[in-house]
Amino acid sequence: MSKKSLLLSGFILLKFLLQFFLIGTEYELHRDEYLHIDQGHHLAWGYLSIPPFTSWTSYLILLLGNSVFWVKFFPALYGALTMYVVYKAIMELNGKPFALILGCTCVLFSSLLRLNILYQPNSFDVLCWTTLYFILLKYYKTENRNWLYAGAAVFAFGFLNKYNIAFQLAGLAPALLMSQQRTIFTRSAFYFAVCLGFVLVLPNLFWQYNNGFPVIHHMQELARTHLVHVKRGDFLVSQMMFFLGSTVVLVSALVGLLIFEPFRKYRFLFWSFFFTLSIFMYLKAKSYYAIGIYPIYLSFGAVYLEQFIERSRKRFLQPVLVAIPVLLFLVSFDIVHPIHSPAYITEHTEEYKRLGMLRWEDGKDHLLPQDFADMLGWKELAAKVDSLYARLPDKSKTLVLCDNYGQAGAINYYSRQHIKAVTFHADYVNWFDLTIPYQNLIRVKNNGNGQTELEETSPIFHRSFLADSVTHPYAREYGATIFCFSGAKTDIRARLQHEIEEVKNSD
């Protein structure tokens, strides 16, 4: 094995080790992860929340045993592959060992460590952005049309993972038109590649059409509830924080793309950088939507700095540039990652508040970072529902109905009673089994939503009581209440069908 291969292997091994050690034992899976895992039980060409690719990975996780290890393995894998693509880009740009070390170090010790902790579409999204940029690099270096077909396939898989990748094309198109590389639009192979990409995403587009384009409703709801709290100034600050230790490398990439002759044919990437960021800013997008922009620029920055250092003979800069991202990681890793216990965080809130980590999607500050609070209380909820479920007669005729997808997904993941909890929230609205003549109902209500539950639902059943609640003080689900209703007086399936139709019609 060559020295370069050993170097890459070492970085990838370190990447995997860090991903598994940057989560404290007190934390469970994230609410989104439970939904994504459940999608593996309901394979389709689309979902109300996301495109289908994540469900394919979830199905593989189910085949592998559905353990937490595998849930965490795949985002770590996608992060490692992103590093590999950056490594290959540096090689294509004729980078030497220092550029390889610097590029891999910048990818490793960045916000990708935090991103790759969670099993969400974001990790694969960043991989697809990076790979598509790399394919353009290869195409303009070789003029081999096969790279265009590869790019179409990567875009298609990226689109089937997260529609966010469309903004990458939106930023690239005007940049290419402004550059000498606009000739790509005159090549027949380009349009064949476009057709290939369209064919690959067509099943999902059909699914969207047949379901009334829920992605539009999802974006409208996101804009109304979450993006309304996004400030464009905060968006820019967040961009600087994602690769803070690599700022010099990223700036060098932009400088190199403008003035470094070997990068001339890739100069469109300079303009693409600003076009894409401007689109996200205009739409007041969440800051992490733009993370996929940066990894490929680390390749250009590392190679340009390597050339600059060799020409200026300032070799003392090499260890300094490598040390900066490492040192910044060592200073901040225990704050930005869920390592400390919730009790510790609440005792040191100033450190987290200063970094804006306590601000949630509602625009308000809370006791814990939102992602951390979303990883607590789920086992408690599932255990209490399981215990109640086991005591009921006619368990097979018991419906577990929750208020949100996190509750339903967590119960399904941890349940030892093989419960199939559902909710009118997100994709679960399509997963009700209305062939069962339900006799019992276990109702999980959000904190503050359960006061009238007994009054409204008790008349439909012979017996009803408040069974339990989530008591974890730091969980976002703190106070979620569990009600039990048994002995249905009438068939409740018609009522459920009516609720399902109302939800779908409102969407």
Protein backbone atom coordinates (compact mmCIF):
# COMPACT_ATOMS: atom_id res chain seq x y z
CA MET A 1 0.00 0.00 0.00
CA SER A 2 1.37 3.40 -1.01
CA LYS A 3 1.97 6.23 1.46
CA LYS A 4 -0.95 8.19 0.00
CA SER A 5 -3.28 5.22 0.44
CA LEU A 6 -2.12 4.80 4.04
CA LEU A 7 -2.71 8.50 4.61
CA LEU A 8 -6.27 8.31 3.29
CA SER A 9 -6.98 5.12 5.26
CA GLY A 10 -5.80 6.78 8.46
CA PHE A 11 -8.07 9.77 7.96
CA ILE A 12 -11.07 7.58 7.18
CA LEU A 13 -10.44 5.39 10.24
CA LEU A 14 -10.19 8.48 12.43
CA LYS A 15 -13.41 9.80 10.89
CA PHE A 16 -15.35 6.68 11.86
CA LEU A 17 -13.88 6.61 15.37
CA LEU A 18 -14.77 10.24 16.03
CA GLN A 19 -18.32 9.84 14.75
CA PHE A 20 -19.01 7.07 17.26
CA PHE A 21 -17.33 8.80 20.21
CA LEU A 22 -18.91 12.25 19.85
CA ILE A 23 -22.26 11.23 21.34
CA GLY A 24 -22.68 10.87 25.10
CA THR A 25 -24.26 7.72 26.48
CA GLU A 26 -27.21 9.68 27.89
CA TYR A 27 -28.42 10.56 24.42
CA GLU A 28 -30.70 8.39 22.30
CA LEU A 29 -31.58 8.57 18.62
CA HIS A 30 -32.93 11.84 17.24
CA ARG A 31 -36.67 12.22 16.56
CA ASP A 32 -36.03 12.45 12.78
CA GLU A 33 -34.04 9.21 12.85
CA TYR A 34 -37.03 7.25 14.14
CA LEU A 35 -39.16 8.47 11.23
CA HIS A 36 -36.47 7.65 8.68
CA ILE A 37 -36.03 4.14 10.10
CA ASP A 38 -39.78 3.51 9.95
CA GLN A 39 -39.78 4.51 6.28
CA GLY A 40 -37.75 1.37 5.66
CA HIS A 41 -40.89 -0.60 6.61
CA HIS A 42 -42.95 1.29 4.02
CA LEU A 43 -40.89 1.49 0.83
CA ALA A 44 -42.30 3.89 -1.75
CA TRP A 45 -41.14 6.31 -4.44
CA GLY A 46 -41.79 9.27 -2.19
CA TYR A 47 -42.83 10.47 1.23
CA LEU A 48 -44.54 13.55 2.59
CA SER A 49 -41.33 14.61 4.33
CA ILE A 50 -38.45 13.56 2.04
CA PRO A 51 -37.68 11.73 -1.24
CA PRO A 52 -37.19 7.94 -1.17
CA PHE A 53 -33.41 7.40 -0.99
CA THR A 54 -33.23 7.45 2.82
CA SER A 55 -35.85 4.70 3.00
CA TRP A 56 -33.62 2.48 0.87
CA THR A 57 -30.80 2.94 3.35
CA SER A 58 -33.27 2.30 6.17
CA TYR A 59 -34.33 -0.96 4.56
CA LEU A 60 -30.68 -2.02 4.48
CA ILE A 61 -30.36 -1.05 8.16
CA LEU A 62 -33.39 -3.23 8.94
CA LEU A 63 -31.78 -6.17 7.12
CA LEU A 64 -28.58 -5.64 9.14
CA GLY A 65 -30.46 -5.89 12.44
CA ASN A 66 -31.73 -2.32 12.98
CA SER A 67 -29.22 -1.60 15.74
CA VAL A 68 -28.07 1.88 16.74
CA PHE A 69 -24.62 0.99 15.36
CA TRP A 70 -25.94 0.70 11.82
CA VAL A 71 -28.14 3.76 12.17
CA LYS A 72 -25.00 5.74 13.00
CA PHE A 73 -22.78 3.88 10.53
CA PHE A 74 -24.32 5.20 7.32
CA PRO A 75 -24.04 8.96 7.96
CA ALA A 76 -20.46 8.31 9.08
CA LEU A 77 -19.88 6.39 5.85
CA TYR A 78 -21.27 9.22 3.73
CA GLY A 79 -19.02 11.64 5.60
CA ALA A 80 -16.00 9.42 4.98
CA LEU A 81 -16.88 9.20 1.28
CA THR A 82 -17.09 13.00 1.14
CA MET A 83 -13.53 13.11 2.46
CA TYR A 84 -12.53 10.56 -0.18
CA VAL A 85 -13.96 12.70 -2.98
CA VAL A 86 -12.07 15.75 -1.68
CA TYR A 87 -8.91 13.63 -1.59
CA LYS A 88 -9.47 12.52 -5.20
CA ALA A 89 -10.10 16.12 -6.29
CA ILE A 90 -6.78 17.18 -4.77
CA MET A 91 -5.09 14.37 -6.70
CA GLU A 92 -6.74 15.54 -9.93
CA LEU A 93 -5.48 19.07 -9.27
CA ASN A 94 -1.94 17.64 -8.92
CA GLY A 95 -1.81 18.15 -5.18
CA LYS A 96 1.11 16.70 -3.27
CA PRO A 97 1.15 15.14 0.24
CA PHE A 98 0.80 18.44 2.08
CA ALA A 99 -2.30 19.39 0.08
CA LEU A 100 -3.78 15.95 0.74
CA ILE A 101 -3.13 16.22 4.48
CA LEU A 102 -4.49 19.76 4.64
CA GLY A 103 -7.61 18.98 2.61
CA CYS A 104 -8.48 15.86 4.60
CA THR A 105 -7.80 17.64 7.90
CA CYS A 106 -10.13 20.48 6.94
CA VAL A 107 -12.92 18.06 5.98
CA LEU A 108 -12.45 15.95 9.09
CA PHE A 109 -12.35 18.72 11.69
CA SER A 110 -15.36 20.67 10.52
CA SER A 111 -19.10 20.89 11.03
CA LEU A 112 -19.40 17.64 9.09
CA LEU A 113 -18.56 15.84 12.34
CA ARG A 114 -21.77 17.24 13.84
CA LEU A 115 -23.77 16.69 10.65
CA ASN A 116 -22.66 13.08 10.29
CA ILE A 117 -23.77 12.19 13.81
CA LEU A 118 -27.43 12.11 12.77
CA TYR A 119 -29.12 9.70 10.39
CA GLN A 120 -30.77 12.29 8.16
CA PRO A 121 -30.63 13.03 4.40
CA ASN A 122 -28.08 15.80 5.00
CA SER A 123 -24.96 13.62 5.05
CA PHE A 124 -25.72 12.03 1.69
CA ASP A 125 -26.74 15.45 0.37
CA VAL A 126 -23.28 16.87 1.10
CA LEU A 127 -21.68 13.82 -0.51
CA CYS A 128 -23.73 14.32 -3.68
CA TRP A 129 -22.94 18.05 -3.89
CA THR A 130 -19.22 17.33 -3.49
CA THR A 131 -19.27 14.48 -6.01
CA LEU A 132 -21.16 16.53 -8.61
CA TYR A 133 -18.61 19.35 -8.34
CA PHE A 134 -15.84 16.75 -8.65
CA ILE A 135 -17.45 15.28 -11.78
CA LEU A 136 -17.51 18.72 -13.39
CA LEU A 137 -13.82 19.05 -12.54
CA LYS A 138 -13.15 15.70 -14.24
CA TYR A 139 -15.27 16.58 -17.26
CA TYR A 140 -13.51 19.87 -17.92
CA LYS A 141 -10.14 18.23 -17.39
CA THR A 142 -10.76 15.29 -19.74
CA GLU A 143 -13.68 16.40 -21.98
CA ASN A 144 -14.91 12.81 -21.63
CA ARG A 145 -18.69 12.84 -22.07
CA ASN A 146 -19.08 9.82 -19.80
CA TRP A 147 -18.52 12.17 -16.88
CA LEU A 148 -21.68 14.02 -17.90
CA TYR A 149 -23.65 10.79 -17.62
CA ALA A 150 -22.06 10.11 -14.25
CA GLY A 151 -23.04 13.63 -13.18
CA ALA A 152 -26.64 12.99 -14.22
CA ALA A 153 -26.72 9.84 -12.10
CA VAL A 154 -25.22 11.60 -9.07
CA PHE A 155 -27.69 14.47 -9.42
CA ALA A 156 -30.56 12.00 -9.70
CA PHE A 157 -29.58 10.12 -6.54
CA GLY A 158 -29.02 13.44 -4.80
CA PHE A 159 -32.49 14.58 -5.90
CA LEU A 160 -34.02 11.31 -4.72
CA ASN A 161 -32.34 11.95 -1.38
CA LYS A 162 -33.06 15.67 -0.85
CA TYR A 163 -34.48 18.22 -3.27
CA ASN A 164 -31.93 20.68 -1.91
CA ILE A 165 -29.48 19.64 -4.64
CA ALA A 166 -31.56 21.56 -7.20
CA PHE A 167 -30.08 24.74 -5.72
CA GLN A 168 -26.63 23.51 -6.68
CA LEU A 169 -27.68 23.48 -10.33
CA ALA A 170 -29.35 26.86 -9.88
CA GLY A 171 -26.01 28.29 -8.76
CA LEU A 172 -23.96 26.48 -11.39
CA ALA A 173 -26.04 27.41 -14.45
CA PRO A 174 -25.42 31.19 -14.47
CA ALA A 175 -21.79 30.66 -13.45
CA LEU A 176 -21.21 28.37 -16.44
CA LEU A 177 -22.98 30.79 -18.78
CA MET A 178 -20.61 33.57 -17.65
CA SER A 179 -17.50 31.46 -18.27
CA GLN A 180 -15.72 29.94 -21.23
CA GLN A 181 -17.11 26.60 -20.10
CA ARG A 182 -20.53 27.62 -21.42
CA THR A 183 -19.77 25.39 -24.41
CA ILE A 184 -21.14 22.51 -22.33
CA PHE A 185 -24.61 23.73 -23.34
CA THR A 186 -23.78 23.13 -27.01
CA ARG A 187 -22.85 19.47 -26.54
CA SER A 188 -25.40 16.81 -27.40
CA ALA A 189 -24.00 14.63 -24.61
CA PHE A 190 -25.12 17.26 -22.10
CA TYR A 191 -28.75 16.94 -23.22
CA PHE A 192 -28.57 13.15 -23.26
CA ALA A 193 -27.30 13.40 -19.67
CA VAL A 194 -30.21 15.70 -18.79
CA CYS A 195 -32.63 13.13 -20.22
CA LEU A 196 -30.93 10.37 -18.22
CA GLY A 197 -31.26 12.35 -15.01
CA PHE A 198 -34.91 13.10 -15.76
CA VAL A 199 -35.69 9.42 -16.35
CA LEU A 200 -34.03 8.44 -13.06
CA VAL A 201 -36.07 10.94 -11.01
CA LEU A 202 -39.30 10.40 -12.96
CA PRO A 203 -40.78 7.80 -10.55
CA ASN A 204 -40.52 10.29 -7.72
CA LEU A 205 -42.04 13.06 -9.85
CA PHE A 206 -44.96 10.75 -10.66
CA TRP A 207 -45.36 10.05 -6.95
CA GLN A 208 -45.39 13.78 -6.22
CA TYR A 209 -48.00 14.33 -8.94
CA ASN A 210 -50.23 11.48 -7.75
CA ASN A 211 -50.09 12.77 -4.19
CA GLY A 212 -50.78 16.41 -4.97
CA PHE A 213 -47.13 17.56 -4.77
CA PRO A 214 -46.76 17.43 -0.96
CA VAL A 215 -43.27 18.91 -1.32
CA ILE A 216 -44.91 22.26 -2.06
CA HIS A 217 -47.01 22.07 1.10
CA HIS A 218 -43.95 20.96 3.05
CA MET A 219 -41.95 23.98 1.85
CA GLN A 220 -44.84 26.33 2.62
CA GLU A 221 -45.18 24.89 6.11
CA LEU A 222 -41.43 25.11 6.62
CA ALA A 223 -41.41 28.75 5.54
CA ARG A 224 -44.35 29.57 7.81
CA THR A 225 -43.13 27.84 10.96
CA HIS A 226 -39.32 27.71 10.75
CA LEU A 227 -37.79 29.86 8.02
CA VAL A 228 -39.72 32.89 9.23
CA HIS A 229 -37.32 32.95 12.19
CA VAL A 230 -34.21 32.81 9.97
CA LYS A 231 -32.26 36.05 9.70
CA ARG A 232 -30.01 36.57 6.71
CA GLY A 233 -27.26 37.96 8.93
CA ASP A 234 -27.39 34.84 11.10
CA PHE A 235 -27.23 32.73 7.94
CA LEU A 236 -23.93 34.36 6.92
CA VAL A 237 -22.46 34.01 10.41
CA SER A 238 -23.35 30.31 10.39
CA GLN A 239 -21.59 29.83 7.06
CA MET A 240 -18.38 31.12 8.60
CA MET A 241 -18.74 28.76 11.56
CA PHE A 242 -19.18 25.57 9.52
CA PHE A 243 -15.54 25.50 8.39
CA LEU A 244 -14.10 28.08 10.75
CA GLY A 245 -10.76 26.31 11.07
CA SER A 246 -10.51 26.18 7.27
CA THR A 247 -11.30 29.83 6.56
CA VAL A 248 -7.84 30.49 5.14
CA VAL A 249 -8.16 27.45 2.88
CA LEU A 250 -11.58 28.48 1.57
CA VAL A 251 -10.48 32.06 0.92
CA SER A 252 -7.39 30.72 -0.84
CA ALA A 253 -9.63 28.58 -3.03
CA LEU A 254 -11.57 31.62 -4.20
CA VAL A 255 -8.36 33.59 -4.78
CA GLY A 256 -6.80 30.68 -6.63
CA LEU A 257 -9.85 30.25 -8.86
CA LEU A 258 -9.47 33.91 -9.89
CA ILE A 259 -5.72 34.23 -10.40
CA PHE A 260 -4.08 30.78 -10.48
CA GLU A 261 -3.54 29.73 -14.10
CA PRO A 262 -3.93 25.93 -13.55
CA PHE A 263 -7.42 26.66 -12.13
CA ARG A 264 -8.51 28.82 -15.06
CA LYS A 265 -10.85 26.26 -16.61
CA TYR A 266 -12.59 25.87 -13.26
CA ARG A 267 -13.14 29.60 -12.70
CA PHE A 268 -16.90 29.15 -13.00
CA LEU A 269 -16.76 27.67 -9.49
CA PHE A 270 -15.81 31.10 -8.15
CA TRP A 271 -19.06 32.60 -9.41
CA SER A 272 -21.07 29.52 -8.55
CA PHE A 273 -20.03 29.89 -4.92
CA PHE A 274 -21.61 33.32 -4.64
CA PHE A 275 -24.63 32.59 -6.82
CA THR A 276 -25.58 29.57 -4.72
CA LEU A 277 -25.12 31.36 -1.41
CA SER A 278 -27.16 34.29 -2.70
CA ILE A 279 -30.04 32.00 -3.63
CA PHE A 280 -30.08 30.47 -0.16
CA MET A 281 -29.92 33.90 1.45
CA TYR A 282 -32.75 35.24 -0.69
CA LEU A 283 -34.95 32.29 0.26
CA LYS A 284 -33.96 32.63 3.95
CA ALA A 285 -32.94 28.99 3.97
CA LYS A 286 -31.67 27.15 7.02
CA SER A 287 -27.94 27.64 7.28
CA TYR A 288 -27.01 23.95 7.02
CA TYR A 289 -28.67 23.66 3.59
CA ALA A 290 -25.52 25.27 2.16
CA ILE A 291 -22.91 23.00 3.76
CA GLY A 292 -22.55 20.97 0.57
CA ILE A 293 -20.98 23.95 -1.17
CA TYR A 294 -17.73 23.93 0.76
CA PRO A 295 -15.88 20.58 0.68
CA ILE A 296 -14.82 20.79 -2.98
CA TYR A 297 -13.39 24.29 -2.41
CA LEU A 298 -11.14 22.83 0.28
CA SER A 299 -9.50 20.85 -2.53
CA PHE A 300 -8.73 23.96 -4.55
CA GLY A 301 -7.62 25.89 -1.47
CA ALA A 302 -5.28 23.14 -0.28
CA VAL A 303 -3.59 22.83 -3.69
CA TYR A 304 -3.27 26.60 -4.14
CA LEU A 305 -1.74 27.02 -0.65
CA GLU A 306 0.67 24.17 -1.33
CA GLN A 307 1.84 25.90 -4.52
CA PHE A 308 2.05 29.27 -2.76
CA ILE A 309 4.16 27.86 0.07
CA GLU A 310 6.50 26.12 -2.36
CA ARG A 311 6.98 29.30 -4.39
CA SER A 312 7.46 31.54 -1.36
CA ARG A 313 9.48 28.91 0.54
CA LYS A 314 7.48 29.58 3.69
CA ARG A 315 7.31 25.98 4.77
CA PHE A 316 6.71 26.98 8.40
CA LEU A 317 3.11 27.70 7.28
CA GLN A 318 2.42 24.03 6.60
CA PRO A 319 2.13 22.83 10.23
CA VAL A 320 0.31 26.06 11.16
CA LEU A 321 -2.38 25.57 8.50
CA VAL A 322 -2.91 21.93 9.50
CA ALA A 323 -2.94 22.78 13.20
CA ILE A 324 -5.63 25.50 13.02
CA PRO A 325 -8.65 23.24 12.29
CA VAL A 326 -7.36 20.64 14.77
CA LEU A 327 -6.92 23.18 17.57
CA LEU A 328 -10.30 24.79 16.98
CA PHE A 329 -11.86 21.33 17.10
CA LEU A 330 -10.15 20.57 20.41
CA VAL A 331 -11.35 23.86 21.86
CA SER A 332 -14.99 23.46 20.85
CA PHE A 333 -15.75 19.76 20.30
CA ASP A 334 -17.28 19.21 23.75
CA ILE A 335 -19.67 22.13 23.24
CA VAL A 336 -20.91 21.64 19.69
CA HIS A 337 -21.34 17.87 20.04
CA PRO A 338 -23.68 16.03 22.46
CA ILE A 339 -20.95 14.83 24.78
CA HIS A 340 -21.83 16.52 28.07
CA SER A 341 -24.89 15.53 30.05
CA PRO A 342 -28.00 17.72 29.95
CA ALA A 343 -27.38 18.67 33.59
CA TYR A 344 -23.89 19.91 32.74
CA ILE A 345 -25.20 21.99 29.82
CA THR A 346 -27.85 23.68 31.95
CA GLU A 347 -25.14 24.61 34.46
CA HIS A 348 -22.97 26.15 31.72
CA THR A 349 -25.59 27.80 29.52
CA GLU A 350 -23.53 30.91 28.78
CA GLU A 351 -21.02 28.92 26.71
CA TYR A 352 -23.80 27.49 24.56
CA LYS A 353 -25.82 30.68 24.39
CA ARG A 354 -22.80 32.64 23.18
CA LEU A 355 -22.59 30.31 20.17
CA GLY A 356 -26.33 30.59 19.52
CA MET A 357 -26.80 26.88 20.17
CA LEU A 358 -29.74 27.29 22.53
CA ARG A 359 -31.92 28.98 19.92
CA TRP A 360 -34.53 26.64 18.48
CA GLU A 361 -36.60 26.81 15.33
CA ASP A 362 -39.18 28.91 17.18
CA GLY A 363 -36.58 31.68 17.48
CA LYS A 364 -36.38 31.36 21.28
CA ASP A 365 -33.60 30.18 23.62
CA HIS A 366 -34.12 26.94 25.57
CA LEU A 367 -32.22 24.90 28.17
CA LEU A 368 -30.51 22.61 25.63
CA PRO A 369 -29.65 22.79 21.94
CA GLN A 370 -32.69 21.62 19.99
CA ASP A 371 -30.96 18.58 18.49
CA PHE A 372 -29.81 17.50 21.96
CA ALA A 373 -33.31 17.82 23.45
CA ASP A 374 -34.61 15.82 20.49
CA MET A 375 -32.43 12.89 21.61
CA LEU A 376 -33.91 12.46 25.08
CA GLY A 377 -36.96 10.81 26.64
CA TRP A 378 -37.79 8.38 23.85
CA LYS A 379 -36.87 5.15 25.67
CA GLU A 380 -38.92 6.27 28.66
CA LEU A 381 -41.95 6.96 26.47
CA ALA A 382 -41.65 3.63 24.64
CA ALA A 383 -41.21 1.65 27.86
CA LYS A 384 -44.30 3.21 29.45
CA VAL A 385 -46.44 2.63 26.37
CA ASP A 386 -45.13 -0.94 26.13
CA SER A 387 -46.03 -1.64 29.77
CA LEU A 388 -49.53 -0.26 29.31
CA TYR A 389 -50.02 -2.13 26.04
CA ALA A 390 -49.03 -5.45 27.64
CA ARG A 391 -51.77 -5.10 30.30
CA LEU A 392 -54.62 -4.51 27.86
CA PRO A 393 -57.03 -7.21 26.70
CA ASP A 394 -57.20 -7.78 22.94
CA LYS A 395 -53.75 -6.29 22.42
CA SER A 396 -53.93 -7.07 18.71
CA LYS A 397 -56.92 -4.71 18.52
CA THR A 398 -55.13 -1.80 20.20
CA LEU A 399 -54.33 1.40 18.34
CA VAL A 400 -51.40 3.50 19.56
CA LEU A 401 -52.03 7.02 18.30
CA CYS A 402 -49.44 9.75 18.86
CA ASP A 403 -49.28 13.50 18.32
CA ASN A 404 -46.03 13.56 16.32
CA TYR A 405 -43.74 11.36 14.27
CA GLY A 406 -41.00 11.29 16.89
CA GLN A 407 -43.32 9.68 19.43
CA ALA A 408 -44.65 7.12 16.95
CA GLY A 409 -41.24 6.28 15.53
CA ALA A 410 -39.58 5.91 18.93
CA ILE A 411 -42.32 3.61 20.21
CA ASN A 412 -42.02 1.46 17.10
CA TYR A 413 -38.23 1.33 17.38
CA TYR A 414 -37.95 0.41 21.06
CA SER A 415 -41.17 -1.56 21.55
CA ARG A 416 -40.82 -5.18 22.59
CA GLN A 417 -44.53 -5.71 21.93
CA HIS A 418 -44.14 -5.11 18.17
CA ILE A 419 -46.34 -2.04 18.41
CA LYS A 420 -47.15 -0.20 15.19
CA ALA A 421 -47.81 3.29 16.51
CA VAL A 422 -49.14 5.89 14.11
CA THR A 423 -49.93 9.59 14.03
CA PHE A 424 -51.72 12.03 11.76
CA HIS A 425 -48.33 13.77 11.51
CA ALA A 426 -45.95 13.39 8.55
CA ASP A 427 -45.82 10.09 6.63
CA TYR A 428 -47.60 8.09 9.32
CA VAL A 429 -50.93 9.42 8.07
CA ASN A 430 -50.53 6.92 5.18
CA TRP A 431 -49.65 3.98 7.43
CA PHE A 432 -52.86 3.40 9.39
CA ASP A 433 -54.17 -0.17 9.29
CA LEU A 434 -57.93 0.26 8.99
CA THR A 435 -58.60 -3.46 8.58
CA ILE A 436 -58.38 -3.95 12.37
CA PRO A 437 -61.60 -3.50 14.44
CA TYR A 438 -59.90 -1.54 17.23
CA GLN A 439 -61.16 -2.09 20.79
CA ASN A 440 -58.50 -0.13 22.67
CA LEU A 441 -56.71 3.15 22.19
CA ILE A 442 -53.45 4.35 23.71
CA ARG A 443 -53.23 8.07 23.07
CA VAL A 444 -49.93 9.97 23.38
CA LYS A 445 -50.44 13.72 23.57
CA ASN A 446 -47.89 16.52 23.43
CA ASN A 447 -47.27 18.48 26.60
CA GLY A 448 -50.11 20.97 26.93
CA ASN A 449 -52.41 19.16 24.45
CA GLY A 450 -53.94 16.59 26.78
CA GLN A 451 -56.21 18.55 29.09
CA THR A 452 -59.42 17.85 27.18
CA GLU A 453 -58.49 14.40 25.85
CA LEU A 454 -60.44 12.48 28.49
CA GLU A 455 -63.53 14.64 27.99
CA GLU A 456 -63.49 14.28 24.20
CA THR A 457 -62.56 10.61 23.84
CA SER A 458 -64.00 8.91 26.97
CA PRO A 459 -67.60 8.79 25.64
CA ILE A 460 -66.45 6.48 22.83
CA PHE A 461 -65.04 3.85 25.26
CA HIS A 462 -66.26 2.03 28.37
CA ARG A 463 -63.08 2.69 30.38
CA SER A 464 -60.57 5.53 30.29
CA PHE A 465 -57.79 6.95 32.44
CA LEU A 466 -54.60 9.00 32.40
CA ALA A 467 -51.86 6.37 32.50
CA ASP A 468 -48.50 8.14 32.64
CA SER A 469 -46.31 10.88 31.16
CA VAL A 470 -42.74 11.58 30.08
CA THR A 471 -40.82 12.81 33.12
CA HIS A 472 -37.33 13.36 31.66
CA PRO A 473 -36.85 17.04 32.57
CA TYR A 474 -34.58 17.88 29.63
CA ALA A 475 -36.45 16.05 26.88
CA ARG A 476 -38.31 18.06 24.30
CA GLU A 477 -41.15 15.60 24.94
CA TYR A 478 -41.20 16.40 28.66
CA GLY A 479 -44.78 16.25 29.91
CA ALA A 480 -46.12 14.27 26.95
CA THR A 481 -49.13 12.43 28.39
CA ILE A 482 -50.23 8.83 27.85
CA PHE A 483 -53.97 8.12 28.00
CA CYS A 484 -55.62 4.71 27.89
CA PHE A 485 -59.09 3.96 26.51
CA SER A 486 -60.49 0.41 26.33
CA GLY A 487 -63.72 -1.29 25.34
CA ALA A 488 -64.78 0.68 22.26
CA LYS A 489 -68.54 1.28 22.16
CA THR A 490 -68.52 1.71 18.37
CA ASP A 491 -66.25 0.96 15.44
CA ILE A 492 -63.73 3.82 15.48
CA ARG A 493 -62.35 3.12 12.01
CA ALA A 494 -64.83 5.43 10.29
CA ARG A 495 -63.77 8.20 12.67
CA LEU A 496 -60.11 7.52 11.87
CA GLN A 497 -60.77 7.49 8.14
CA HIS A 498 -62.49 10.86 8.43
CA GLU A 499 -59.52 12.31 10.34
CA ILE A 500 -57.07 10.92 7.78
CA GLU A 501 -58.99 12.45 4.89
CA GLU A 502 -59.18 15.81 6.66
CA VAL A 503 -55.42 15.83 7.20
CA LYS A 504 -54.71 14.89 3.59
CA ASN A 505 -57.15 17.45 2.26
CA SER A 506 -55.58 20.16 4.41
CA ASP A 507 -52.20 19.26 2.94
